[in-house]
Amino acid sequence: MAANPLLLDMVRNVLFHLPDVFEKKMFGGVCFMVDDKLCVCVGKDYLLCRLDPDNYDTELEMPGVSQMMSGSRVMKGYIHVDEGVLNTENDVLIWANKALKYNAVLNSKL
C-alpha cells in the first residue's frame, strides 16, 4: 500500500519546518518521526496520528476518526483520520498539532 501523495505533500508542508523531523516507511505508508518519536503517518487513504491516550475517546467522536487496530487489539492512543475530512492543509495542521503536542511530552526513543 502506497501513501496518498496529496496527503503526504500536505503533511510535509506542515511538519518539515520543524527541527528533527524525518520520514520512515512503516505501517504500509510513510511515517513522520519528530525527535525520534512516531508522530503521524500517511497511509493510502488516512492519516495516522499518535495522540494522548487520555483524550482518545473524545477524539474518536470527531468526524472521520476511527481506532487503529492491530489484529483484534485496539491501539489506544493511535487513531486513523480519513482522507475525506482532510481537504486542506489547515485540516492536516489541526491533527498534526494534536500529535505534536503529545509528542512533546513523550520521552525520547531509547
PDB file of N, CA and C in Angstrom:
ATOM      1  N   MET A   1       0.850  -1.177   0.000  1.00  0.00           N
ATOM      2  CA  MET A   1       0.000   0.000   0.000  1.00  0.00           C
ATOM      3  C   MET A   1       0.893   1.237   0.000  1.00  0.00           C
ATOM      4  N   ALA A   2       0.627   2.128  -0.898  1.00  0.00           N
ATOM      5  CA  ALA A   2       1.408   3.367  -1.002  1.00  0.00           C
ATOM      6  C   ALA A   2       0.706   4.496  -0.252  1.00  0.00           C
ATOM      7  N   ALA A   3       1.501   5.447   0.175  1.00  0.00           N
ATOM      8  CA  ALA A   3       0.962   6.622   0.861  1.00  0.00           C
ATOM      9  C   ALA A   3       0.273   7.533  -0.148  1.00  0.00           C
ATOM     10  N   ASN A   4      -0.810   8.142   0.271  1.00  0.00           N
ATOM     11  CA  ASN A   4      -1.542   9.102  -0.550  1.00  0.00           C
ATOM     12  C   ASN A   4      -0.623  10.292  -0.850  1.00  0.00           C
ATOM     13  N   PRO A   5      -0.274  10.525  -2.136  1.00  0.00           N
ATOM     14  CA  PRO A   5       0.701  11.578  -2.449  1.00  0.00           C
ATOM     15  C   PRO A   5       0.237  12.991  -2.092  1.00  0.00           C
ATOM     16  N   LEU A   6      -1.043  13.290  -2.235  1.00  0.00           N
ATOM     17  CA  LEU A   6      -1.536  14.631  -1.888  1.00  0.00           C
ATOM     18  C   LEU A   6      -1.479  14.857  -0.380  1.00  0.00           C
ATOM     19  N   LEU A   7      -1.897  13.859   0.363  1.00  0.00           N
ATOM     20  CA  LEU A   7      -1.849  13.953   1.824  1.00  0.00           C
ATOM     21  C   LEU A   7      -0.401  13.999   2.310  1.00  0.00           C
ATOM     22  N   LEU A   8       0.457  13.240   1.663  1.00  0.00           N
ATOM     23  CA  LEU A   8       1.879  13.234   2.004  1.00  0.00           C
ATOM     24  C   LEU A   8       2.493  14.618   1.823  1.00  0.00           C
ATOM     25  N   ASP A   9       2.175  15.281   0.719  1.00  0.00           N
ATOM     26  CA  ASP A   9       2.686  16.638   0.484  1.00  0.00           C
ATOM     27  C   ASP A   9       2.175  17.624   1.532  1.00  0.00           C
ATOM     28  N   MET A  10       0.897  17.490   1.910  1.00  0.00           N
ATOM     29  CA  MET A  10       0.355  18.398   2.924  1.00  0.00           C
ATOM     30  C   MET A  10       1.064  18.206   4.265  1.00  0.00           C
ATOM     31  N   VAL A  11       1.314  16.954   4.639  1.00  0.00           N
ATOM     32  CA  VAL A  11       2.000  16.694   5.908  1.00  0.00           C
ATOM     33  C   VAL A  11       3.427  17.229   5.852  1.00  0.00           C
ATOM     34  N   ARG A  12       4.098  17.024   4.734  1.00  0.00           N
ATOM     35  CA  ARG A  12       5.460  17.572   4.595  1.00  0.00           C
ATOM     36  C   ARG A  12       5.454  19.089   4.769  1.00  0.00           C
ATOM     37  N   ASN A  13       4.502  19.758   4.144  1.00  0.00           N
ATOM     38  CA  ASN A  13       4.419  21.217   4.259  1.00  0.00           C
ATOM     39  C   ASN A  13       4.177  21.663   5.696  1.00  0.00           C
ATOM     40  N   VAL A  14       3.427  20.880   6.430  1.00  0.00           N
ATOM     41  CA  VAL A  14       3.092  21.224   7.812  1.00  0.00           C
ATOM     42  C   VAL A  14       4.254  20.945   8.766  1.00  0.00           C
ATOM     43  N   LEU A  15       5.002  19.861   8.532  1.00  0.00           N
ATOM     44  CA  LEU A  15       5.997  19.428   9.517  1.00  0.00           C
ATOM     45  C   LEU A  15       7.446  19.771   9.212  1.00  0.00           C
ATOM     46  N   PHE A  16       7.806  19.919   7.958  1.00  0.00           N
ATOM     47  CA  PHE A  16       9.234  20.000   7.657  1.00  0.00           C
ATOM     48  C   PHE A  16       9.912  21.302   8.049  1.00  0.00           C
ATOM     49  N   HIS A  17       9.180  22.266   8.563  1.00  0.00           N
ATOM     50  CA  HIS A  17       9.833  23.469   9.094  1.00  0.00           C
ATOM     51  C   HIS A  17      10.379  23.219  10.503  1.00  0.00           C
ATOM     52  N   LEU A  18       9.966  22.108  11.107  1.00  0.00           N
ATOM     53  CA  LEU A  18      10.397  21.778  12.468  1.00  0.00           C
ATOM     54  C   LEU A  18      11.764  21.101  12.458  1.00  0.00           C
ATOM     55  N   PRO A  19      12.537  21.285  13.521  1.00  0.00           N
ATOM     56  CA  PRO A  19      13.810  20.557  13.615  1.00  0.00           C
ATOM     57  C   PRO A  19      13.547  19.083  13.945  1.00  0.00           C
ATOM     58  N   ASP A  20      14.486  18.243  13.606  1.00  0.00           N
ATOM     59  CA  ASP A  20      14.442  16.822  13.976  1.00  0.00           C
ATOM     60  C   ASP A  20      13.223  16.077  13.447  1.00  0.00           C
ATOM     61  N   VAL A  21      12.837  16.352  12.201  1.00  0.00           N
ATOM     62  CA  VAL A  21      11.752  15.625  11.546  1.00  0.00           C
ATOM     63  C   VAL A  21      12.346  14.802  10.414  1.00  0.00           C
ATOM     64  N   PHE A  22      11.961  13.531  10.353  1.00  0.00           N
ATOM     65  CA  PHE A  22      12.367  12.717   9.213  1.00  0.00           C
ATOM     66  C   PHE A  22      11.279  11.697   8.898  1.00  0.00           C
ATOM     67  N   GLU A  23      11.320  11.185   7.677  1.00  0.00           N
ATOM     68  CA  GLU A  23      10.348  10.208   7.205  1.00  0.00           C
ATOM     69  C   GLU A  23      10.897   8.799   7.372  1.00  0.00           C
ATOM     70  N   LYS A  24       9.976   7.881   7.645  1.00  0.00           N
ATOM     71  CA  LYS A  24      10.346   6.474   7.771  1.00  0.00           C
ATOM     72  C   LYS A  24       9.189   5.631   7.241  1.00  0.00           C
ATOM     73  N   LYS A  25       9.485   4.688   6.365  1.00  0.00           N
ATOM     74  CA  LYS A  25       8.435   3.817   5.834  1.00  0.00           C
ATOM     75  C   LYS A  25       8.036   2.809   6.910  1.00  0.00           C
ATOM     76  N   MET A  26       6.762   2.869   7.269  1.00  0.00           N
ATOM     77  CA  MET A  26       6.200   1.978   8.295  1.00  0.00           C
ATOM     78  C   MET A  26       4.707   1.822   8.049  1.00  0.00           C
ATOM     79  N   PHE A  27       4.130   0.752   8.568  1.00  0.00           N
ATOM     80  CA  PHE A  27       2.679   0.536   8.520  1.00  0.00           C
ATOM     81  C   PHE A  27       2.122   0.633   7.098  1.00  0.00           C
ATOM     82  N   GLY A  28       2.914   0.317   6.098  1.00  0.00           N
ATOM     83  CA  GLY A  28       2.458   0.380   4.720  1.00  0.00           C
ATOM     84  C   GLY A  28       2.341   1.788   4.180  1.00  0.00           C
ATOM     85  N   GLY A  29       2.924   2.746   4.846  1.00  0.00           N
ATOM     86  CA  GLY A  29       2.876   4.139   4.409  1.00  0.00           C
ATOM     87  C   GLY A  29       4.162   4.852   4.773  1.00  0.00           C
ATOM     88  N   VAL A  30       4.050   6.147   4.986  1.00  0.00           N
ATOM     89  CA  VAL A  30       5.205   6.963   5.358  1.00  0.00           C
ATOM     90  C   VAL A  30       4.903   7.627   6.697  1.00  0.00           C
ATOM     91  N   CYS A  31       5.764   7.351   7.668  1.00  0.00           N
ATOM     92  CA  CYS A  31       5.604   7.944   8.997  1.00  0.00           C
ATOM     93  C   CYS A  31       6.569   9.104   9.161  1.00  0.00           C
ATOM     94  N   PHE A  32       6.138  10.067   9.930  1.00  0.00           N
ATOM     95  CA  PHE A  32       6.958  11.230  10.238  1.00  0.00           C
ATOM     96  C   PHE A  32       7.374  11.125  11.693  1.00  0.00           C
ATOM     97  N   MET A  33       8.669  11.044  11.875  1.00  0.00           N
ATOM     98  CA  MET A  33       9.257  10.948  13.199  1.00  0.00           C
ATOM     99  C   MET A  33       9.680  12.354  13.620  1.00  0.00           C
ATOM    100  N   VAL A  34       9.339  12.729  14.833  1.00  0.00           N
ATOM    101  CA  VAL A  34       9.725  14.023  15.389  1.00  0.00           C
ATOM    102  C   VAL A  34      10.481  13.726  16.680  1.00  0.00           C
ATOM    103  N   ASP A  35      11.714  14.204  16.761  1.00  0.00           N
ATOM    104  CA  ASP A  35      12.574  13.903  17.915  1.00  0.00           C
ATOM    105  C   ASP A  35      12.693  12.391  18.134  1.00  0.00           C
ATOM    106  N   ASP A  36      12.812  11.645  17.040  1.00  0.00           N
ATOM    107  CA  ASP A  36      12.944  10.177  17.068  1.00  0.00           C
ATOM    108  C   ASP A  36      11.714   9.460  17.602  1.00  0.00           C
ATOM    109  N   LYS A  37      10.554  10.122  17.599  1.00  0.00           N
ATOM    110  CA  LYS A  37       9.316   9.505  18.068  1.00  0.00           C
ATOM    111  C   LYS A  37       8.273   9.587  16.968  1.00  0.00           C
ATOM    112  N   LEU A  38       7.515   8.499  16.789  1.00  0.00           N
ATOM    113  CA  LEU A  38       6.461   8.493  15.789  1.00  0.00           C
ATOM    114  C   LEU A  38       5.439   9.571  16.126  1.00  0.00           C
ATOM    115  N   CYS A  39       5.116  10.391  15.149  1.00  0.00           N
ATOM    116  CA  CYS A  39       4.150  11.471  15.359  1.00  0.00           C
ATOM    117  C   CYS A  39       2.899  11.235  14.509  1.00  0.00           C
ATOM    118  N   VAL A  40       3.051  11.236  13.188  1.00  0.00           N
ATOM    119  CA  VAL A  40       1.946  10.963  12.270  1.00  0.00           C
ATOM    120  C   VAL A  40       2.450  10.088  11.130  1.00  0.00           C
ATOM    121  N   CYS A  41       1.515   9.382  10.495  1.00  0.00           N
ATOM    122  CA  CYS A  41       1.831   8.552   9.330  1.00  0.00           C
ATOM    123  C   CYS A  41       0.776   8.797   8.261  1.00  0.00           C
ATOM    124  N   VAL A  42       1.211   8.727   7.018  1.00  0.00           N
ATOM    125  CA  VAL A  42       0.297   8.855   5.886  1.00  0.00           C
ATOM    126  C   VAL A  42       0.143   7.484   5.249  1.00  0.00           C
ATOM    127  N   GLY A  43      -1.095   7.031   5.163  1.00  0.00           N
ATOM    128  CA  GLY A  43      -1.415   5.770   4.509  1.00  0.00           C
ATOM    129  C   GLY A  43      -2.098   6.025   3.178  1.00  0.00           C
ATOM    130  N   LYS A  44      -2.684   4.990   2.628  1.00  0.00           N
ATOM    131  CA  LYS A  44      -3.342   5.088   1.324  1.00  0.00           C
ATOM    132  C   LYS A  44      -4.501   6.082   1.347  1.00  0.00           C
ATOM    133  N   ASP A  45      -5.286   6.052   2.419  1.00  0.00           N
ATOM    134  CA  ASP A  45      -6.475   6.900   2.473  1.00  0.00           C
ATOM    135  C   ASP A  45      -6.744   7.457   3.873  1.00  0.00           C
ATOM    136  N   TYR A  46      -5.679   7.603   4.647  1.00  0.00           N
ATOM    137  CA  TYR A  46      -5.854   8.091   6.017  1.00  0.00           C
ATOM    138  C   TYR A  46      -4.570   8.727   6.536  1.00  0.00           C
ATOM    139  N   LEU A  47      -4.735   9.461   7.619  1.00  0.00           N
ATOM    140  CA  LEU A  47      -3.623   9.981   8.402  1.00  0.00           C
ATOM    141  C   LEU A  47      -3.681   9.275   9.751  1.00  0.00           C
ATOM    142  N   LEU A  48      -2.594   8.640  10.136  1.00  0.00           N
ATOM    143  CA  LEU A  48      -2.486   8.014  11.448  1.00  0.00           C
ATOM    144  C   LEU A  48      -1.844   9.024  12.388  1.00  0.00           C
ATOM    145  N   CYS A  49      -2.477   9.261  13.522  1.00  0.00           N
ATOM    146  CA  CYS A  49      -1.947  10.218  14.494  1.00  0.00           C
ATOM    147  C   CYS A  49      -1.740   9.526  15.832  1.00  0.00           C
ATOM    148  N   ARG A  50      -0.622   9.850  16.456  1.00  0.00           N
ATOM    149  CA  ARG A  50      -0.347   9.370  17.811  1.00  0.00           C
ATOM    150  C   ARG A  50      -0.734  10.490  18.765  1.00  0.00           C
ATOM    151  N   LEU A  51      -1.773  10.228  19.566  1.00  0.00           N
ATOM    152  CA  LEU A  51      -2.336  11.256  20.436  1.00  0.00           C
ATOM    153  C   LEU A  51      -2.317  10.803  21.890  1.00  0.00           C
ATOM    154  N   ASP A  52      -2.539  11.746  22.761  1.00  0.00           N
ATOM    155  CA  ASP A  52      -2.611  11.473  24.191  1.00  0.00           C
ATOM    156  C   ASP A  52      -3.735  10.460  24.454  1.00  0.00           C
ATOM    157  N   PRO A  53      -3.411   9.304  25.033  1.00  0.00           N
ATOM    158  CA  PRO A  53      -4.451   8.311  25.316  1.00  0.00           C
ATOM    159  C   PRO A  53      -5.561   8.840  26.227  1.00  0.00           C
ATOM    160  N   ASP A  54      -5.264   9.843  27.038  1.00  0.00           N
ATOM    161  CA  ASP A  54      -6.294  10.422  27.906  1.00  0.00           C
ATOM    162  C   ASP A  54      -7.372  11.145  27.107  1.00  0.00           C
ATOM    163  N   ASN A  55      -7.055  11.578  25.886  1.00  0.00           N
ATOM    164  CA  ASN A  55      -8.021  12.274  25.031  1.00  0.00           C
ATOM    165  C   ASN A  55      -8.588  11.365  23.941  1.00  0.00           C
ATOM    166  N   TYR A  56      -8.212  10.108  23.967  1.00  0.00           N
ATOM    167  CA  TYR A  56      -8.542   9.157  22.909  1.00  0.00           C
ATOM    168  C   TYR A  56     -10.047   9.073  22.633  1.00  0.00           C
ATOM    169  N   ASP A  57     -10.848   8.857  23.658  1.00  0.00           N
ATOM    170  CA  ASP A  57     -12.291   8.698  23.465  1.00  0.00           C
ATOM    171  C   ASP A  57     -12.929   9.954  22.890  1.00  0.00           C
ATOM    172  N   THR A  58     -12.482  11.114  23.324  1.00  0.00           N
ATOM    173  CA  THR A  58     -13.002  12.379  22.796  1.00  0.00           C
ATOM    174  C   THR A  58     -12.665  12.529  21.322  1.00  0.00           C
ATOM    175  N   GLU A  59     -11.435  12.200  20.948  1.00  0.00           N
ATOM    176  CA  GLU A  59     -11.013  12.329  19.547  1.00  0.00           C
ATOM    177  C   GLU A  59     -11.780  11.366  18.645  1.00  0.00           C
ATOM    178  N   LEU A  60     -12.142  10.190  19.162  1.00  0.00           N
ATOM    179  CA  LEU A  60     -12.891   9.220  18.362  1.00  0.00           C
ATOM    180  C   LEU A  60     -14.283   9.717  17.990  1.00  0.00           C
ATOM    181  N   GLU A  61     -14.781  10.718  18.693  1.00  0.00           N
ATOM    182  CA  GLU A  61     -16.096  11.283  18.383  1.00  0.00           C
ATOM    183  C   GLU A  61     -16.051  12.256  17.208  1.00  0.00           C
ATOM    184  N   MET A  62     -14.863  12.644  16.779  1.00  0.00           N
ATOM    185  CA  MET A  62     -14.712  13.596  15.680  1.00  0.00           C
ATOM    186  C   MET A  62     -15.051  12.915  14.351  1.00  0.00           C
ATOM    187  N   PRO A  63     -15.604  13.669  13.390  1.00  0.00           N
ATOM    188  CA  PRO A  63     -15.941  13.088  12.085  1.00  0.00           C
ATOM    189  C   PRO A  63     -14.710  12.513  11.385  1.00  0.00           C
ATOM    190  N   GLY A  64     -14.874  11.325  10.816  1.00  0.00           N
ATOM    191  CA  GLY A  64     -13.817  10.706  10.031  1.00  0.00           C
ATOM    192  C   GLY A  64     -12.730  10.038  10.844  1.00  0.00           C
ATOM    193  N   VAL A  65     -12.902   9.947  12.156  1.00  0.00           N
ATOM    194  CA  VAL A  65     -11.868   9.381  13.026  1.00  0.00           C
ATOM    195  C   VAL A  65     -12.270   7.968  13.446  1.00  0.00           C
ATOM    196  N   SER A  66     -11.299   7.053  13.403  1.00  0.00           N
ATOM    197  CA  SER A  66     -11.542   5.678  13.828  1.00  0.00           C
ATOM    198  C   SER A  66     -10.332   5.143  14.591  1.00  0.00           C
ATOM    199  N   GLN A  67     -10.543   4.030  15.258  1.00  0.00           N
ATOM    200  CA  GLN A  67      -9.493   3.395  16.039  1.00  0.00           C
ATOM    201  C   GLN A  67      -8.441   2.774  15.124  1.00  0.00           C
ATOM    202  N   MET A  68      -7.220   2.721  15.603  1.00  0.00           N
ATOM    203  CA  MET A  68      -6.195   1.921  14.938  1.00  0.00           C
ATOM    204  C   MET A  68      -6.254   0.540  15.573  1.00  0.00           C
ATOM    205  N   MET A  69      -6.295  -0.474  14.732  1.00  0.00           N
ATOM    206  CA  MET A  69      -6.348  -1.848  15.206  1.00  0.00           C
ATOM    207  C   MET A  69      -5.079  -2.582  14.801  1.00  0.00           C
ATOM    208  N   SER A  70      -4.647  -3.483  15.647  1.00  0.00           N
ATOM    209  CA  SER A  70      -3.573  -4.410  15.324  1.00  0.00           C
ATOM    210  C   SER A  70      -4.163  -5.796  15.543  1.00  0.00           C
ATOM    211  N   GLY A  71      -4.613  -6.410  14.463  1.00  0.00           N
ATOM    212  CA  GLY A  71      -5.390  -7.640  14.583  1.00  0.00           C
ATOM    213  C   GLY A  71      -6.712  -7.306  15.240  1.00  0.00           C
ATOM    214  N   SER A  72      -6.996  -7.932  16.378  1.00  0.00           N
ATOM    215  CA  SER A  72      -8.234  -7.629  17.104  1.00  0.00           C
ATOM    216  C   SER A  72      -7.992  -6.672  18.268  1.00  0.00           C
ATOM    217  N   ARG A  73      -6.774  -6.196  18.391  1.00  0.00           N
ATOM    218  CA  ARG A  73      -6.401  -5.325  19.517  1.00  0.00           C
ATOM    219  C   ARG A  73      -6.510  -3.850  19.136  1.00  0.00           C
ATOM    220  N   VAL A  74      -7.192  -3.072  19.972  1.00  0.00           N
ATOM    221  CA  VAL A  74      -7.276  -1.625  19.787  1.00  0.00           C
ATOM    222  C   VAL A  74      -5.963  -1.005  20.253  1.00  0.00           C
ATOM    223  N   MET A  75      -5.391  -0.154  19.423  1.00  0.00           N
ATOM    224  CA  MET A  75      -4.145   0.533  19.765  1.00  0.00           C
ATOM    225  C   MET A  75      -4.507   1.906  20.341  1.00  0.00           C
ATOM    226  N   LYS A  76      -4.816   1.940  21.625  1.00  0.00           N
ATOM    227  CA  LYS A  76      -5.255   3.178  22.264  1.00  0.00           C
ATOM    228  C   LYS A  76      -4.149   4.225  22.172  1.00  0.00           C
ATOM    229  N   GLY A  77      -4.526   5.414  21.758  1.00  0.00           N
ATOM    230  CA  GLY A  77      -3.560   6.492  21.574  1.00  0.00           C
ATOM    231  C   GLY A  77      -3.186   6.690  20.114  1.00  0.00           C
ATOM    232  N   TYR A  78      -3.622   5.768  19.264  1.00  0.00           N
ATOM    233  CA  TYR A  78      -3.380   5.889  17.824  1.00  0.00           C
ATOM    234  C   TYR A  78      -4.726   5.906  17.118  1.00  0.00           C
ATOM    235  N   ILE A  79      -4.922   6.885  16.254  1.00  0.00           N
ATOM    236  CA  ILE A  79      -6.186   6.994  15.526  1.00  0.00           C
ATOM    237  C   ILE A  79      -5.929   7.149  14.034  1.00  0.00           C
ATOM    238  N   HIS A  80      -6.911   6.746  13.256  1.00  0.00           N
ATOM    239  CA  HIS A  80      -6.920   6.996  11.817  1.00  0.00           C
ATOM    240  C   HIS A  80      -7.868   8.157  11.550  1.00  0.00           C
ATOM    241  N   VAL A  81      -7.419   9.114  10.757  1.00  0.00           N
ATOM    242  CA  VAL A  81      -8.271  10.211  10.305  1.00  0.00           C
ATOM    243  C   VAL A  81      -8.457  10.002   8.808  1.00  0.00           C
ATOM    244  N   ASP A  82      -9.680   9.800   8.384  1.00  0.00           N
ATOM    245  CA  ASP A  82      -9.988   9.516   6.990  1.00  0.00           C
ATOM    246  C   ASP A  82      -9.634  10.697   6.096  1.00  0.00           C
ATOM    247  N   GLU A  83      -9.080  10.395   4.928  1.00  0.00           N
ATOM    248  CA  GLU A  83      -8.694  11.446   3.989  1.00  0.00           C
ATOM    249  C   GLU A  83      -9.869  12.342   3.593  1.00  0.00           C
ATOM    250  N   GLY A  84     -11.083  11.828   3.699  1.00  0.00           N
ATOM    251  CA  GLY A  84     -12.266  12.595   3.329  1.00  0.00           C
ATOM    252  C   GLY A  84     -12.510  13.824   4.185  1.00  0.00           C
ATOM    253  N   VAL A  85     -11.916  13.869   5.376  1.00  0.00           N
ATOM    254  CA  VAL A  85     -12.064  15.046   6.243  1.00  0.00           C
ATOM    255  C   VAL A  85     -10.780  15.872   6.285  1.00  0.00           C
ATOM    256  N   LEU A  86      -9.830  15.521   5.425  1.00  0.00           N
ATOM    257  CA  LEU A  86      -8.550  16.242   5.349  1.00  0.00           C
ATOM    258  C   LEU A  86      -8.441  16.909   3.980  1.00  0.00           C
ATOM    259  N   ASN A  87      -9.256  17.907   3.765  1.00  0.00           N
ATOM    260  CA  ASN A  87      -9.347  18.543   2.451  1.00  0.00           C
ATOM    261  C   ASN A  87      -8.356  19.671   2.238  1.00  0.00           C
ATOM    262  N   THR A  88      -7.860  20.239   3.324  1.00  0.00           N
ATOM    263  CA  THR A  88      -6.938  21.369   3.208  1.00  0.00           C
ATOM    264  C   THR A  88      -5.720  21.141   4.102  1.00  0.00           C
ATOM    265  N   GLU A  89      -4.700  21.920   3.857  1.00  0.00           N
ATOM    266  CA  GLU A  89      -3.514  21.853   4.703  1.00  0.00           C
ATOM    267  C   GLU A  89      -3.860  22.229   6.145  1.00  0.00           C
ATOM    268  N   ASN A  90      -4.813  23.125   6.324  1.00  0.00           N
ATOM    269  CA  ASN A  90      -5.234  23.502   7.672  1.00  0.00           C
ATOM    270  C   ASN A  90      -5.876  22.321   8.399  1.00  0.00           C
ATOM    271  N   ASP A  91      -6.642  21.491   7.677  1.00  0.00           N
ATOM    272  CA  ASP A  91      -7.219  20.287   8.284  1.00  0.00           C
ATOM    273  C   ASP A  91      -6.111  19.366   8.794  1.00  0.00           C
ATOM    274  N   VAL A  92      -5.071  19.202   7.992  1.00  0.00           N
ATOM    275  CA  VAL A  92      -3.926  18.378   8.383  1.00  0.00           C
ATOM    276  C   VAL A  92      -3.199  19.019   9.562  1.00  0.00           C
ATOM    277  N   LEU A  93      -3.054  20.329   9.525  1.00  0.00           N
ATOM    278  CA  LEU A  93      -2.367  21.058  10.595  1.00  0.00           C
ATOM    279  C   LEU A  93      -3.046  20.844  11.947  1.00  0.00           C
ATOM    280  N   ILE A  94      -4.356  20.840  11.969  1.00  0.00           N
ATOM    281  CA  ILE A  94      -5.095  20.632  13.221  1.00  0.00           C
ATOM    282  C   ILE A  94      -4.708  19.301  13.856  1.00  0.00           C
ATOM    283  N   TRP A  95      -4.701  18.238  13.059  1.00  0.00           N
ATOM    284  CA  TRP A  95      -4.355  16.915  13.589  1.00  0.00           C
ATOM    285  C   TRP A  95      -2.869  16.805  13.888  1.00  0.00           C
ATOM    286  N   ALA A  96      -2.035  17.378  13.042  1.00  0.00           N
ATOM    287  CA  ALA A  96      -0.588  17.346  13.288  1.00  0.00           C
ATOM    288  C   ALA A  96      -0.261  18.058  14.599  1.00  0.00           C
ATOM    289  N   ASN A  97      -0.921  19.168  14.869  1.00  0.00           N
ATOM    290  CA  ASN A  97      -0.670  19.892  16.121  1.00  0.00           C
ATOM    291  C   ASN A  97      -1.063  19.067  17.347  1.00  0.00           C
ATOM    292  N   LYS A  98      -2.155  18.314  17.238  1.00  0.00           N
ATOM    293  CA  LYS A  98      -2.544  17.436  18.345  1.00  0.00           C
ATOM    294  C   LYS A  98      -1.476  16.366  18.578  1.00  0.00           C
ATOM    295  N   ALA A  99      -0.974  15.796  17.488  1.00  0.00           N
ATOM    296  CA  ALA A  99       0.070  14.772  17.599  1.00  0.00           C
ATOM    297  C   ALA A  99       1.375  15.378  18.111  1.00  0.00           C
ATOM    298  N   LEU A 100       1.708  16.573  17.652  1.00  0.00           N
ATOM    299  CA  LEU A 100       2.932  17.239  18.115  1.00  0.00           C
ATOM    300  C   LEU A 100       2.865  17.577  19.602  1.00  0.00           C
ATOM    301  N   LYS A 101       1.693  17.956  20.061  1.00  0.00           N
ATOM    302  CA  LYS A 101       1.523  18.282  21.484  1.00  0.00           C
ATOM    303  C   LYS A 101       1.830  17.058  22.342  1.00  0.00           C
ATOM    304  N   TYR A 102       1.332  15.894  21.937  1.00  0.00           N
ATOM    305  CA  TYR A 102       1.614  14.674  22.692  1.00  0.00           C
ATOM    306  C   TYR A 102       3.069  14.253  22.510  1.00  0.00           C
ATOM    307  N   ASN A 103       3.586  14.409  21.314  1.00  0.00           N
ATOM    308  CA  ASN A 103       4.984  14.062  21.029  1.00  0.00           C
ATOM    309  C   ASN A 103       5.935  14.796  21.968  1.00  0.00           C
ATOM    310  N   ALA A 104       5.610  16.033  22.283  1.00  0.00           N
ATOM    311  CA  ALA A 104       6.489  16.868  23.115  1.00  0.00           C
ATOM    312  C   ALA A 104       6.613  16.360  24.550  1.00  0.00           C
ATOM    313  N   VAL A 105       5.617  15.615  25.034  1.00  0.00           N
ATOM    314  CA  VAL A 105       5.677  15.138  26.417  1.00  0.00           C
ATOM    315  C   VAL A 105       6.203  13.709  26.536  1.00  0.00           C
ATOM    316  N   LEU A 106       6.403  13.041  25.410  1.00  0.00           N
ATOM    317  CA  LEU A 106       6.933  11.676  25.434  1.00  0.00           C
ATOM    318  C   LEU A 106       8.434  11.686  25.640  1.00  0.00           C
ATOM    319  N   ASN A 107       8.943  10.666  26.298  1.00  0.00           N
ATOM    320  CA  ASN A 107      10.390  10.502  26.414  1.00  0.00           C
ATOM    321  C   ASN A 107      10.956  10.144  25.052  1.00  0.00           C
ATOM    322  N   SER A 108      12.178  10.533  24.799  1.00  0.00           N
ATOM    323  CA  SER A 108      12.829  10.181  23.544  1.00  0.00           C
ATOM    324  C   SER A 108      12.980   8.673  23.451  1.00  0.00           C
ATOM    325  N   LYS A 109      12.992   8.208  22.218  1.00  0.00           N
ATOM    326  CA  LYS A 109      13.201   6.789  21.947  1.00  0.00           C
ATOM    327  C   LYS A 109      14.535   6.362  22.559  1.00  0.00           C
ATOM    328  N   LEU A 110      14.548   5.234  23.215  1.00  0.00           N
ATOM    329  CA  LEU A 110      15.775   4.734  23.849  1.00  0.00           C
ATOM    330  C   LEU A 110      16.607   3.952  22.868  1.00  0.00           C
TER     331      LEU A 110
END
